[in-house]
């Protein structure tokens, strides 16, 4: 096996991606434990769902024919889809939430607080990978990366910076008790908007251009559903009880 520069760059991307995952997982579970969710609840199922979903999502978007071989699912250096990983983890949470819906919503919101920082950790080092995923441009915001022949939109850098801002907002919101699911909904809506805003600057993949927009819209709608549910829960928590008690703040 010949060790090439491209292979090293792929491996480096994988290192940062998994470092981001483990950081998010540790911080989210610590946050959820403080709200009564067991630290090991669905731990391995969430990891498996994220890995399988991330690979399947990437293959569907680039070359669906690869799904004919199960071995293609374990070739992580070929790429991962964030929305696919989120879908796989969401399925695990939804199945676990059949018996523990509150735990699922609390854990989803805990992950939402720290996911932006994991995204930033995976995307901000993109110059080290040799590319930042953008189209060639001559605009003032173009970046000429080392070894590149033309300047490009540094889409991944913008995504990482946007994720840092979103993470800061979510951390600020999490300083006060929130109804279960509210922060998860806020993250989905805001990140879908960020992804859609950056879409015109990205390189065009094998999948149709409308597919990315449809995925962003779908997750934004899911986020809005979470927000609507959390608003209803917040009103119920604050509503006066039959015994005259003024109600409790949403937690």
Protein backbone atom coordinates (compact mmCIF):
# COMPACT_ATOMS: atom_id res chain seq x y z
CA UNK A 1 0.00 0.00 0.00
CA UNK A 2 1.41 3.39 -1.06
CA UNK A 3 0.94 6.19 1.46
CA UNK A 4 0.06 9.31 -0.53
CA UNK A 5 -0.47 12.92 0.50
CA UNK A 6 -4.17 12.62 -0.37
CA UNK A 7 -4.47 9.58 1.91
CA UNK A 8 -2.83 11.49 4.74
CA UNK A 9 -5.21 14.38 4.25
CA UNK A 10 -8.19 12.03 4.33
CA UNK A 11 -6.90 10.47 7.53
CA UNK A 12 -6.40 13.92 9.05
CA UNK A 13 -9.99 14.85 8.22
CA UNK A 14 -11.12 11.66 9.94
CA UNK A 15 -9.08 12.47 13.05
CA UNK A 16 -10.69 15.90 13.44
CA UNK A 17 -14.17 14.55 12.66
CA UNK A 18 -13.96 11.83 15.31
CA UNK A 19 -12.35 14.20 17.82
CA UNK A 20 -15.35 16.48 17.30
CA UNK A 21 -17.75 13.58 17.77
CA UNK A 22 -16.20 12.38 21.04
CA UNK A 23 -16.01 15.94 22.40
CA UNK A 24 -19.68 16.54 21.60
CA UNK A 25 -20.69 13.15 23.01
CA UNK A 26 -18.84 13.75 26.29
CA UNK A 27 -20.17 17.27 26.84
CA UNK A 28 -23.73 16.40 25.79
CA UNK A 29 -23.97 13.41 28.07
CA UNK A 30 -22.55 15.41 30.96
CA UNK A 31 -25.23 18.04 30.31
CA UNK A 32 -27.99 15.42 30.07
CA UNK A 33 -26.87 13.66 33.27
CA UNK A 34 -27.45 16.91 35.12
CA UNK A 35 -31.08 16.70 33.98
CA UNK A 36 -31.62 13.09 35.03
CA UNK A 37 -30.72 11.15 31.85
CA UNK A 38 -28.43 8.14 32.55
CA UNK A 39 -24.99 8.67 31.06
CA UNK A 40 -24.90 5.39 29.15
CA UNK A 41 -28.47 5.52 27.81
CA UNK A 42 -28.47 4.65 24.05
CA UNK A 43 -24.74 5.37 23.98
CA UNK A 44 -23.70 2.69 21.48
CA UNK A 45 -26.95 2.84 19.49
CA UNK A 46 -26.48 6.56 18.89
CA UNK A 47 -22.89 6.03 17.75
CA UNK A 48 -23.90 3.22 15.40
CA UNK A 49 -26.83 5.20 14.02
CA UNK A 50 -24.61 8.22 13.35
CA UNK A 51 -21.93 6.14 11.59
CA UNK A 52 -24.33 4.17 9.39
CA UNK A 53 -26.47 7.22 8.63
CA UNK A 54 -23.43 9.33 7.80
CA UNK A 55 -22.08 6.78 5.32
CA UNK A 56 -25.45 5.96 3.72
CA UNK A 57 -26.25 9.66 3.36
CA UNK A 58 -22.91 10.36 1.69
CA UNK A 59 -23.23 7.41 -0.70
CA UNK A 60 -26.80 8.37 -1.68
CA UNK A 61 -25.64 11.90 -2.45
CA UNK A 62 -22.55 10.89 -4.45
CA UNK A 63 -22.85 7.38 -5.89
CA UNK A 64 -25.90 5.28 -4.87
CA UNK A 65 -24.54 2.28 -6.78
CA UNK A 66 -21.99 1.78 -3.98
CA UNK A 67 -24.79 0.61 -1.68
CA UNK A 68 -24.68 -2.74 -3.49
CA UNK A 69 -21.60 -3.64 -1.42
CA UNK A 70 -21.88 -3.55 2.40
CA UNK A 71 -18.11 -3.06 2.63
CA UNK A 72 -18.51 0.46 1.24
CA UNK A 73 -20.25 1.46 4.47
CA UNK A 74 -17.04 1.04 6.48
CA UNK A 75 -14.85 3.15 4.18
CA UNK A 76 -15.10 6.22 6.35
CA UNK A 77 -12.30 8.07 4.56
CA UNK A 78 -14.52 8.24 1.46
CA UNK A 79 -16.72 10.80 3.22
CA UNK A 80 -19.57 11.24 5.66
CA UNK A 81 -22.83 13.17 5.47
CA UNK A 82 -23.63 15.33 8.49
CA UNK A 83 -27.37 15.28 7.78
CA UNK A 84 -27.13 11.50 7.31
CA UNK A 85 -25.37 11.09 10.65
CA UNK A 86 -27.96 13.33 12.29
CA UNK A 87 -30.73 11.21 10.76
CA UNK A 88 -29.18 7.97 12.01
CA UNK A 89 -28.75 9.38 15.51
CA UNK A 90 -32.28 10.79 15.38
CA UNK A 91 -33.72 7.38 14.53
CA UNK A 92 -31.92 5.87 17.54
CA UNK A 93 -33.28 8.65 19.77
CA UNK A 94 -36.79 8.24 18.37
CA UNK A 95 -36.79 4.49 19.00
CA UNK A 96 -35.43 4.99 22.50
CA UNK A 97 -38.01 7.70 23.08
CA UNK A 98 -40.90 5.30 22.62
CA UNK A 99 -40.56 4.46 26.32
CA UNK A 100 -38.56 7.48 27.47
CA UNK A 101 -39.73 10.46 25.38
CA UNK A 102 -38.53 13.04 27.90
CA UNK A 103 -35.06 11.50 28.01
CA UNK A 104 -34.87 11.58 24.21
CA UNK A 105 -35.83 15.26 24.05
CA UNK A 106 -33.43 16.22 26.83
CA UNK A 107 -30.57 14.30 25.21
CA UNK A 108 -31.37 15.78 21.79
CA UNK A 109 -31.20 19.29 23.22
CA UNK A 110 -27.98 18.48 25.07
CA UNK A 111 -26.37 17.37 21.82
CA UNK A 112 -27.71 20.45 20.06
CA UNK A 113 -25.82 22.72 22.47
CA UNK A 114 -22.44 21.22 21.63
CA UNK A 115 -22.85 19.96 18.05
CA UNK A 116 -21.87 23.37 16.60
CA UNK A 117 -18.49 23.14 18.32
CA UNK A 118 -17.93 19.65 16.90
CA UNK A 119 -18.83 20.99 13.45
CA UNK A 120 -16.37 23.84 13.89
CA UNK A 121 -13.62 21.45 14.98
CA UNK A 122 -14.15 19.33 11.86
CA UNK A 123 -14.40 22.26 9.39
CA UNK A 124 -12.03 24.99 10.54
CA UNK A 125 -8.86 22.95 9.89
CA UNK A 126 -9.95 22.46 6.24
CA UNK A 127 -6.81 24.22 4.86
CA UNK A 128 -4.83 21.30 6.29
CA UNK A 129 -6.92 18.89 4.21
CA UNK A 130 -5.99 20.74 1.03
CA UNK A 131 -9.45 22.07 0.20
CA UNK A 132 -12.30 23.97 1.81
CA UNK A 133 -15.09 22.80 -0.48
CA UNK A 134 -15.83 25.99 -2.40
CA UNK A 135 -16.31 27.02 -6.02
CA UNK A 136 -13.66 29.01 -7.84
CA UNK A 137 -14.27 32.75 -7.56
CA UNK A 138 -12.53 36.08 -8.02
CA UNK A 139 -14.53 37.82 -5.29
CA UNK A 140 -12.95 39.66 -2.36
CA UNK A 141 -13.72 36.79 0.03
CA UNK A 142 -11.90 34.19 -2.09
CA UNK A 143 -8.98 32.30 -0.57
CA UNK A 144 -6.00 30.85 -2.42
CA UNK A 145 -5.02 27.74 -0.45
CA UNK A 146 -1.44 26.41 -0.54
CA UNK A 147 -0.96 24.26 -3.64
CA UNK A 148 -4.19 25.45 -5.29
CA UNK A 149 -4.18 26.99 -8.76
CA UNK A 150 -7.24 29.21 -8.33
CA UNK A 151 -8.88 31.10 -5.48
CA UNK A 152 -12.08 29.60 -4.08
CA UNK A 153 -14.88 30.29 -1.65
CA UNK A 154 -13.68 28.86 1.70
CA UNK A 155 -17.11 27.33 2.34
CA UNK A 156 -15.97 25.02 5.12
CA UNK A 157 -14.28 27.90 6.93
CA UNK A 158 -17.49 29.91 6.75
CA UNK A 159 -19.45 26.91 8.02
CA UNK A 160 -17.05 26.44 10.93
CA UNK A 161 -17.24 30.12 11.89
CA UNK A 162 -21.02 30.13 11.60
CA UNK A 163 -21.18 27.02 13.76
CA UNK A 164 -19.09 28.74 16.45
CA UNK A 165 -21.53 31.66 16.53
CA UNK A 166 -24.51 29.28 16.71
CA UNK A 167 -22.82 27.33 19.51
CA UNK A 168 -22.30 30.52 21.50
CA UNK A 169 -25.98 31.43 21.16
CA UNK A 170 -27.08 27.94 22.23
CA UNK A 171 -24.76 28.02 25.24
CA UNK A 172 -26.26 31.36 26.24
CA UNK A 173 -29.80 29.99 25.88
CA UNK A 174 -28.92 26.85 27.84
CA UNK A 175 -27.93 28.97 30.84
CA UNK A 176 -31.66 29.19 31.63
CA UNK A 177 -34.01 26.17 31.91
CA UNK A 178 -35.64 25.36 28.57
CA UNK A 179 -38.53 22.98 27.75
CA UNK A 180 -37.32 19.60 26.41
CA UNK A 181 -36.63 19.77 22.67
CA UNK A 182 -36.47 23.56 22.32
CA UNK A 183 -32.71 23.81 21.87
CA UNK A 184 -32.75 20.87 19.45
CA UNK A 185 -35.34 22.67 17.33
CA UNK A 186 -33.40 25.94 17.45
CA UNK A 187 -30.23 24.16 16.30
CA UNK A 188 -31.96 22.38 13.40
CA UNK A 189 -33.58 25.54 12.07
CA UNK A 190 -30.46 27.71 12.36
CA UNK A 191 -28.06 25.14 10.96
CA UNK A 192 -30.37 24.39 8.03
CA UNK A 193 -30.47 28.12 7.23
CA UNK A 194 -26.65 28.32 7.45
CA UNK A 195 -26.22 25.30 5.17
CA UNK A 196 -28.71 26.66 2.61
CA UNK A 197 -27.02 30.08 2.67
CA UNK A 198 -23.62 28.52 1.91
CA UNK A 199 -24.96 26.15 -0.77
CA UNK A 200 -24.32 28.56 -3.72
CA UNK A 201 -20.62 28.75 -2.74
CA UNK A 202 -20.04 24.98 -2.62
CA UNK A 203 -18.79 22.70 -5.36
CA UNK A 204 -21.58 20.90 -7.18
CA UNK A 205 -21.69 17.18 -6.37
CA UNK A 206 -23.16 14.25 -8.23
CA UNK A 207 -26.62 14.71 -6.69
CA UNK A 208 -29.09 17.25 -8.17
CA UNK A 209 -28.78 20.80 -6.82
CA UNK A 210 -32.36 20.73 -5.52
CA UNK A 211 -31.60 17.77 -3.26
CA UNK A 212 -29.50 19.82 -0.85
CA UNK A 213 -32.20 22.49 -0.66
CA UNK A 214 -34.85 19.84 -0.02
CA UNK A 215 -32.80 18.32 2.81
CA UNK A 216 -32.25 21.73 4.41
CA UNK A 217 -35.97 22.48 4.17
CA UNK A 218 -36.88 19.10 5.66
CA UNK A 219 -34.66 19.56 8.69
CA UNK A 220 -35.80 23.15 9.15
CA UNK A 221 -39.40 21.90 9.26
CA UNK A 222 -38.42 19.22 11.79
CA UNK A 223 -36.78 21.93 13.87
CA UNK A 224 -39.91 24.07 13.69
CA UNK A 225 -41.95 21.08 14.87
CA UNK A 226 -39.62 20.71 17.87
CA UNK A 227 -39.99 24.41 18.64
CA UNK A 228 -43.78 24.26 18.39
CA UNK A 229 -43.87 21.26 20.72
CA UNK A 230 -41.56 22.97 23.23
CA UNK A 231 -43.71 26.12 23.20
CA UNK A 232 -46.78 24.05 23.99
CA UNK A 233 -44.91 22.28 26.77
CA UNK A 234 -43.72 25.60 28.15
CA UNK A 235 -47.29 26.91 28.32
CA UNK A 236 -48.47 23.75 30.07
CA UNK A 237 -45.63 23.98 32.61
CA UNK A 238 -46.52 27.57 33.42
CA UNK A 239 -50.29 27.06 33.48
CA UNK A 240 -51.95 27.28 36.94
CA UNK A 241 -52.77 23.89 38.40
CA UNK A 242 -56.25 22.89 39.58
CA UNK A 243 -55.09 23.23 43.20
CA UNK A 244 -54.30 26.90 42.65
CA UNK A 245 -50.51 26.48 42.35
CA UNK A 246 -49.14 29.04 39.83
CA UNK A 247 -47.26 26.36 37.86
CA UNK A 248 -43.59 25.52 37.43
CA UNK A 249 -41.03 26.90 34.99
CA UNK A 250 -40.38 24.69 31.98
CA UNK A 251 -37.34 22.48 32.47
